[in-house]
Protein backbone atom coordinates (compact mmCIF):
# COMPACT_ATOMS: atom_id res chain seq x y z
CA MET A 1 -14.04 28.99 26.89
CA PRO A 2 -10.52 27.46 26.64
CA GLU A 3 -9.25 27.10 23.16
CA PRO A 4 -9.12 23.96 21.53
CA LEU A 5 -5.68 21.87 21.09
CA ARG A 6 -4.55 22.62 17.84
CA HIS A 7 -3.18 19.52 15.83
CA TYR A 8 -0.81 20.53 12.62
CA GLY A 9 -0.28 17.48 10.45
CA TRP A 10 -1.32 16.26 6.44
CA TRP A 11 -2.82 13.71 5.68
CA VAL A 12 0.46 12.76 3.84
CA SER A 13 2.57 12.26 6.89
CA PRO A 14 1.92 8.93 9.03
CA TYR A 15 3.27 10.71 12.00
CA SER A 16 0.51 13.17 11.80
CA ALA A 17 -1.81 10.44 11.58
CA LYS A 18 -0.63 8.35 14.65
CA THR A 19 -1.31 11.37 16.46
CA ARG A 20 -5.06 12.32 14.62
CA ALA A 21 -6.14 9.05 15.40
CA TYR A 22 -5.07 9.01 19.37
CA LEU A 23 -7.26 12.43 19.62
CA THR A 24 -10.37 11.06 17.92
CA PHE A 25 -9.94 8.14 20.18
CA LYS A 26 -9.70 10.33 23.36
CA GLN A 27 -12.31 12.14 22.33
CA ALA A 28 -10.43 15.35 22.36
CA ASP A 29 -11.43 18.98 21.50
CA PHE A 30 -8.87 19.86 18.67
CA GLN A 31 -8.75 21.37 15.71
CA ASP A 32 -6.82 19.24 12.83
CA ILE A 33 -5.11 22.08 10.86
CA ALA A 34 -3.16 21.39 7.70
CA PRO A 35 -0.10 24.09 7.66
CA SER A 36 0.60 25.67 4.73
CA ALA A 37 4.62 26.28 3.36
CA ARG A 38 3.95 29.42 4.95
CA GLY A 39 2.70 28.13 8.46
CA LEU A 40 5.66 25.60 8.48
CA TRP A 41 8.14 28.06 7.84
CA TRP A 42 7.05 30.84 9.96
CA THR A 43 4.92 29.73 12.83
CA ILE A 44 6.12 25.82 13.01
CA ARG A 45 9.64 26.11 12.62
CA ARG A 46 10.11 29.27 14.76
CA ALA A 47 8.19 27.54 17.82
CA VAL A 48 10.22 24.03 17.33
CA GLY A 49 12.80 24.72 15.36
CA ARG A 50 12.10 22.87 12.55
CA ALA A 51 9.35 22.55 10.03
CA ILE A 52 8.06 19.33 10.82
CA MET A 53 4.99 17.62 11.52
CA PRO A 54 2.77 16.82 13.38
CA THR A 55 3.18 19.50 15.94
CA VAL A 56 0.71 20.25 18.87
CA ARG A 57 -0.09 24.01 20.24
CA MET A 58 -1.32 23.41 23.61
CA PRO A 59 -4.59 25.52 24.71
CA ASP A 60 -1.64 27.22 27.27
CA GLY A 61 0.33 28.33 24.39
CA ARG A 62 2.88 25.18 24.68
CA TRP A 63 4.05 23.56 21.64
CA LEU A 64 4.60 20.02 21.63
CA GLN A 65 6.69 17.82 18.74
CA ASP A 66 7.50 14.26 18.07
CA SER A 67 4.41 11.85 18.28
CA SER A 68 5.63 9.93 21.19
CA GLU A 69 6.34 12.97 22.84
CA ILE A 70 3.00 14.06 21.91
CA VAL A 71 1.32 11.09 23.15
CA ASP A 72 2.78 10.77 26.01
CA THR A 73 2.01 14.42 27.37
CA LEU A 74 -1.41 14.34 26.38
CA GLU A 75 -1.82 11.05 27.99
CA GLY A 76 -0.98 12.91 31.52
CA GLU A 77 -3.34 15.93 30.86
CA LEU A 78 -6.33 14.24 28.95
CA THR A 79 -9.33 12.32 30.28
CA GLY A 80 -10.94 9.29 28.88
CA PRO A 81 -9.65 5.97 28.51
CA SER A 82 -5.82 5.01 29.05
CA ILE A 83 -3.77 3.73 25.89
CA THR A 84 -1.37 2.06 28.02
CA PRO A 85 -2.32 -1.76 29.04
CA SER A 86 -1.86 -2.26 32.99
CA GLY A 87 -0.66 -5.64 32.45
CA PRO A 88 3.47 -5.55 31.97
CA THR A 89 3.42 -8.15 28.85
CA GLN A 90 0.86 -6.12 27.47
CA ARG A 91 2.66 -2.97 28.22
CA LEU A 92 5.73 -4.35 26.76
CA ALA A 93 4.26 -5.48 23.46
CA SER A 94 2.87 -2.08 22.57
CA ALA A 95 5.48 -0.31 23.38
CA LEU A 96 7.48 -2.82 20.94
CA LEU A 97 4.81 -2.38 18.70
CA GLU A 98 5.17 1.60 18.85
CA LEU A 99 8.81 1.29 17.89
CA HIS A 100 8.12 -1.57 14.91
CA GLY A 101 5.55 1.42 13.83
CA ASP A 102 7.60 4.42 14.04
CA GLU A 103 11.25 3.29 13.12
CA TRP A 104 10.83 0.10 10.80
CA TRP A 105 7.69 0.77 8.62
CA PRO A 106 9.11 3.89 7.27
CA THR A 107 11.35 1.46 5.14
CA VAL A 108 8.19 0.19 3.45
CA ALA A 109 6.30 3.22 3.54
CA MET A 110 8.88 5.13 1.44
CA HIS A 111 9.35 2.11 -0.95
CA THR A 112 5.58 2.07 -1.79
CA ARG A 113 5.33 5.70 -1.64
CA TRP A 114 8.41 6.73 -4.26
CA ASN A 115 8.86 3.24 -6.07
CA LEU A 116 5.22 2.15 -6.95
CA GLY A 117 3.36 3.53 -10.18
CA ALA A 118 1.77 6.60 -9.60
CA ASN A 119 2.25 6.87 -6.13
CA PRO A 120 5.20 9.73 -6.53
CA THR A 121 2.58 11.76 -8.67
CA PHE A 122 -0.10 11.53 -6.19
CA ALA A 123 2.26 12.45 -3.05
CA VAL A 124 3.84 15.21 -4.78
CA GLU A 125 0.29 16.48 -5.69
CA GLU A 126 -1.09 16.06 -1.99
CA PHE A 127 2.38 18.09 -0.98
CA GLY A 128 0.83 20.96 -3.23
CA ARG A 129 -2.58 20.68 -2.16
CA TYR A 130 -1.62 21.32 1.12
CA GLY A 131 1.59 23.66 1.10
CA PHE A 132 0.19 25.99 -1.39
CA PRO A 133 -3.37 25.64 -1.20
CA TRP A 134 -4.40 29.10 -2.95
CA LEU A 135 -2.12 28.05 -6.35
CA PRO A 136 -3.21 25.96 -9.30
CA THR A 137 -2.07 22.11 -8.87
CA TRP A 138 1.14 22.83 -11.90
CA LEU A 139 2.21 25.51 -10.09
CA SER A 140 1.78 23.88 -6.61
CA MET A 141 3.75 20.85 -7.91
CA ARG A 142 6.20 22.30 -9.04
CA LEU A 143 7.19 24.41 -6.20
CA VAL A 144 7.22 21.39 -3.84
CA GLN A 145 8.96 19.02 -6.08
CA PRO A 146 12.52 19.99 -4.14
CA ILE A 147 10.20 18.75 -0.94
CA ALA A 148 9.88 15.58 -2.70
CA ASP A 149 13.18 15.16 -4.14
CA ARG A 150 14.43 15.23 -0.79
CA MET A 151 12.31 12.57 0.94
CA SER A 152 12.30 10.67 -2.00
CA GLY A 153 15.77 11.00 -1.87
CA TYR A 154 16.08 8.99 1.89
CA ARG A 155 15.52 5.91 0.54
CA PRO A 156 19.12 4.88 0.58
CA VAL A 157 19.00 5.85 4.28
CA LEU A 158 16.42 3.53 4.77
CA GLY A 159 18.10 0.66 2.76
CA ILE A 160 15.52 1.05 -0.07
CA GLN A 161 17.62 -0.91 -2.84
CA SER A 162 17.58 -3.61 -5.55
CA GLU A 163 18.88 -6.06 -3.13
CA THR A 164 15.76 -5.70 -0.73
CA LEU A 165 12.96 -4.62 -2.80
CA SER A 166 11.44 -7.84 -2.58
CA GLY A 167 11.89 -8.31 1.04
CA ILE A 168 10.88 -5.23 1.74
CA GLU A 169 7.14 -6.06 -0.23
CA ALA A 170 7.29 -9.76 1.46
CA PHE A 171 7.76 -8.36 4.86
CA LEU A 172 4.74 -5.94 3.78
CA ARG A 173 2.46 -8.79 2.56
CA GLU A 174 3.70 -11.31 5.36
CA THR A 175 2.76 -8.49 8.27
CA VAL A 176 -0.77 -7.55 6.44
CA SER A 177 -1.39 -11.11 6.29
CA THR A 178 -0.66 -11.50 9.87
CA LEU A 179 -2.46 -8.65 11.07
CA ASP A 180 -6.10 -9.61 8.92
CA THR A 181 -5.84 -13.32 10.52
CA HIS A 182 -5.81 -11.58 14.13
CA LEU A 183 -8.28 -8.74 13.87
CA LYS A 184 -10.87 -10.89 12.18
CA GLU A 185 -10.90 -12.26 15.57
CA MET A 186 -10.64 -8.52 17.83
CA PRO A 187 -11.32 -5.09 16.93
CA PHE A 188 -7.87 -4.21 17.94
CA LEU A 189 -4.65 -5.23 18.67
CA LEU A 190 -4.17 -6.24 22.32
CA GLY A 191 -8.18 -6.60 22.54
CA THR A 192 -11.15 -3.71 22.62
CA ARG A 193 -9.33 -1.14 23.34
CA PRO A 194 -6.27 0.48 21.23
CA CYS A 195 -2.92 0.34 22.31
CA LEU A 196 -0.36 2.52 21.71
CA GLY A 197 0.93 -0.10 18.86
CA ASP A 198 -2.18 0.34 17.40
CA PHE A 199 -1.78 3.92 16.30
CA ALA A 200 1.63 3.65 15.72
CA LEU A 201 1.29 0.82 13.02
CA TYR A 202 -1.94 2.67 11.81
CA GLY A 203 0.25 5.90 10.58
CA PRO A 204 2.58 4.07 8.02
CA LEU A 205 0.27 1.35 6.71
CA TRP A 206 -3.02 3.71 6.08
CA SER A 207 -1.69 7.11 5.41
CA HIS A 208 1.07 5.43 3.08
CA VAL A 209 0.49 2.17 2.01
CA TYR A 210 -3.01 1.96 1.72
CA ARG A 211 -4.03 5.85 0.98
CA ASP A 212 -1.67 5.90 -2.20
CA PRO A 213 -3.46 4.71 -4.75
CA ASP A 214 -0.70 2.24 -6.36
CA SER A 215 -0.53 0.05 -3.19
CA ARG A 216 -4.09 -0.09 -1.74
CA HIS A 217 -3.72 -3.26 -3.31
CA PHE A 218 -1.94 -4.93 -1.39
CA PHE A 219 -4.94 -5.15 1.02
CA ASP A 220 -7.19 -6.41 -1.43
CA ASP A 221 -7.29 -9.76 0.62
CA ALA A 222 -7.27 -8.03 3.97
CA PRO A 223 -10.41 -6.66 4.66
CA ALA A 224 -10.09 -6.79 8.74
CA VAL A 225 -7.23 -4.40 8.10
CA VAL A 226 -9.30 -2.51 6.19
CA ALA A 227 -11.93 -2.21 8.87
CA TRP A 228 -9.25 -1.83 11.74
CA PHE A 229 -8.34 1.33 9.97
CA ASP A 230 -12.07 2.50 9.78
CA ARG A 231 -12.13 1.95 13.30
CA LEU A 232 -9.02 3.86 14.29
CA ALA A 233 -10.36 7.02 12.11
CA ALA A 234 -13.71 6.90 13.44
CA PRO A 235 -13.83 5.32 16.78
CA SER A 236 -17.14 4.04 18.30
CA GLY A 237 -16.97 6.30 21.58
CA GLU A 238 -17.04 2.84 23.57
CA PRO A 239 -13.97 2.95 25.50
CA GLY A 240 -13.53 -1.28 25.58
CA GLU A 241 -11.14 -3.37 27.60
CA PHE A 242 -7.29 -4.85 26.96
CA LEU A 243 -7.52 -8.59 26.86
CA ALA A 244 -7.75 -10.41 30.43
CA ASN A 245 -4.46 -11.64 32.26
CA ASP A 246 -2.26 -9.64 30.02
CA ALA A 247 -2.72 -11.69 27.69
CA VAL A 248 -0.80 -11.26 23.93
CA PRO A 249 -2.66 -12.95 21.54
CA GLU A 250 -0.71 -15.82 19.99
CA SER A 251 -2.00 -14.85 16.29
CA LEU A 252 0.42 -11.74 16.56
CA ASP A 253 3.47 -13.74 17.27
CA PRO A 254 4.89 -14.27 13.58
CA LEU A 255 4.84 -10.23 13.89
CA PHE A 256 6.89 -10.07 16.97
CA ARG A 257 9.36 -12.84 15.89
CA THR A 258 9.99 -10.73 12.95
CA LEU A 259 10.55 -7.62 15.05
CA PHE A 260 13.10 -9.25 17.41
CA ALA A 261 14.73 -11.30 14.37
CA GLU A 262 15.46 -8.57 11.87
CA GLN A 263 14.49 -5.01 13.59
CA MET A 264 15.86 -5.78 16.86
CA VAL A 265 19.37 -6.66 15.30
CA TYR A 266 19.93 -3.44 13.59
CA VAL A 267 18.82 -1.67 16.57
CA ALA A 268 21.83 -3.73 18.95
CA SER A 269 24.29 -2.82 16.20
CA LEU A 270 22.94 1.05 16.33
CA MET A 271 23.48 1.14 20.02
CA ASP A 272 26.96 -0.36 19.57
CA ALA A 273 27.86 2.34 16.91
CA ILE A 274 26.69 5.24 19.40
CA ASP A 275 28.85 3.57 22.33
CA THR A 276 31.55 3.49 19.79
CA TRP A 277 31.41 6.51 18.45
CA CYS A 278 31.08 8.17 22.07
CA ALA A 279 34.24 6.75 23.40
CA GLU A 280 36.06 8.02 20.42
CA ASN A 281 34.25 11.40 21.23
CA PRO A 282 34.15 11.89 25.17
CA ASP A 283 33.54 15.94 24.70
CA ALA A 284 30.32 15.90 22.92
CA GLY A 285 27.03 16.76 23.94
CA ARG A 286 25.34 15.56 20.95
CA VAL A 287 25.59 12.42 18.86
CA PRO A 288 25.17 12.80 14.74
CA ARG A 289 22.03 12.12 13.53
CA SER A 290 23.28 9.66 11.36
CA LEU A 291 26.98 7.07 11.60
CA GLY A 292 27.42 5.52 8.46
CA PRO A 293 26.31 2.32 6.57
CA ALA A 294 25.14 -0.37 8.56
CA PRO A 295 24.22 -4.04 7.28
CA PHE A 296 20.52 -5.32 7.81
CA VAL A 297 17.61 -7.83 6.89
CA ILE A 298 14.18 -7.24 6.21
CA GLY A 299 11.77 -9.78 4.83
CA GLY A 300 14.86 -12.36 4.85
CA CYS A 301 17.11 -10.31 2.09
CA SER A 302 20.13 -8.40 3.35
CA GLY A 303 21.01 -5.08 2.33
CA THR A 304 22.74 -2.04 3.89
CA ARG A 305 20.99 1.19 5.44
CA THR A 306 22.14 4.27 7.66
CA TRP A 307 22.89 4.16 11.10
CA VAL A 308 20.05 6.59 12.27
CA THR A 309 20.61 7.91 16.22
CA PHE A 310 17.13 9.07 16.29
CA THR A 311 16.28 5.03 16.40
CA GLN A 312 17.71 4.89 20.29
CA TRP A 313 15.56 7.32 21.85
CA MET A 314 12.65 5.17 20.19
CA ALA A 315 14.47 1.69 21.31
CA GLN A 316 14.95 3.25 24.94
CA ARG A 317 11.09 3.36 25.23
CA PRO A 318 10.46 -0.16 25.34
CA LEU A 319 14.00 -1.07 26.80
CA ASP A 320 13.12 1.49 29.94
CA VAL A 321 9.69 -0.51 30.03
CA TYR A 322 11.24 -3.98 30.58
CA GLY A 323 13.78 -2.34 32.81
CA ALA A 324 11.53 -0.96 34.99
CA PHE A 325 9.51 -4.63 36.02
CA GLY A 326 10.05 -6.20 38.96
CA THR A 327 11.24 -9.73 39.71
CA ALA A 328 7.62 -11.04 39.40
CA ASP A 329 6.92 -9.19 36.17
CA LYS A 330 10.04 -9.78 34.85
CA GLY A 331 9.36 -13.70 35.19
CA THR A 332 5.69 -13.20 33.80
CA VAL A 333 6.82 -11.03 30.42
CA ASP A 334 10.40 -13.19 30.02
CA ALA A 335 8.00 -16.25 29.31
CA TRP A 336 6.02 -14.41 26.48
CA LEU A 337 9.59 -12.82 25.67
CA ALA A 338 10.40 -16.89 24.86
CA ARG A 339 7.55 -17.70 23.12
CA VAL A 340 8.70 -14.63 20.39
CA GLY A 341 12.39 -15.20 20.63
CA GLY A 342 13.10 -11.64 22.24
CA ARG A 343 14.78 -12.62 25.55
CA GLU A 344 17.77 -11.95 24.92
CA ALA A 345 17.26 -8.62 23.06
CA MET A 346 15.61 -7.03 26.16
CA GLN A 347 18.61 -7.77 28.37
CA ARG A 348 20.41 -5.11 26.61
CA GLN A 349 21.41 -1.82 28.57
CA VAL A 350 21.89 1.60 27.33
CA GLY A 351 25.38 2.93 27.53
CA ASN A 352 24.95 5.97 26.18
CA ARG A 353 21.22 7.20 26.83
CA PHE A 354 19.53 10.31 25.09
CA GLU A 355 17.49 12.76 26.49
CA ARG A 356 14.93 15.22 24.15
CA ARG A 357 15.46 18.66 25.94
CA GLY A 358 14.02 22.19 23.90
CA PHE A 359 12.93 19.65 20.58
CA LYS A 360 17.08 18.41 20.78
CA MET A 361 18.19 15.14 21.03
CA LYS A 362 20.92 15.26 23.56
CA LEU A 363 23.49 12.87 25.49
CA ALA A 364 21.67 12.80 28.77
CA ASP A 365 25.45 12.26 31.20
CA ARG A 366 26.47 15.16 29.28
CA LEU A 367 23.44 17.90 29.66
């Protein structure tokens, strides 16, 4: 009998929540393993180069790392209903929602986890419980405190500063309200079947904002969102369907308008910065992980965050989806993009493409 797939991730990890919910929906045969500190450093780091979650060890011995690549690979190998809609508009919408959940929501999640009430203490206790399960709580928390300090120190990189805190919480409240209105009418974002965007948004919303004790109140008036969490954590087993006629509901328009008005402006500036750096470093095969400070807006508040270059690889995914459409499909998709203010953003061409090989990000034309 073949070994089950092994999924390594903590419940406090948003990207692990994304892949765990995906595997559960697909009814995959998998072991969900919370690795100890020893497992992270000796097993996972030796396999993929970093002590990072989620990681997956396939029954044939292959290792997968990064939630997007995990899902991409498993979609081609697992049975069960696809989470990728066949309609072009829905397919692009789902890809954009993954970019939104993976690369924009960490700002919200890191604010709520490390700035609000008892959440930091809760997180450190969780880190200790997973990392050193054989030790008493007081000692395990002491051992993981340097890791927690390093993670909380990432807040300025994401633009979490006094000038943006009200905007971050306004963005959180508005998005939860939009989702609650939408999810009162249908069980998932694009119908009765979850798409990739469902899992990507679920990750930070559930594992950080909802699960941490002093930010759960943001969902007090959003019972439909809480019910959506429950459906993703414990799916019914029914495959469901995406909405007919390639429809993306108007109830999600506020979410997409904000995505294009705020996140995609930052993405465009990041891509410009990468192009400038590549022109100045023509012999480099890799771009640094960050390229300095950048202006950005969240929830209508202006601030400064770091250009994190990995985000371009994530942005390439929806841009590639759009770029692969033929003339007829683009006409249909463009009508939706015009409705949500995103047509110009999707015309962007990637000047210096990224490609992941051997768990590392490289410039595709300089491999």
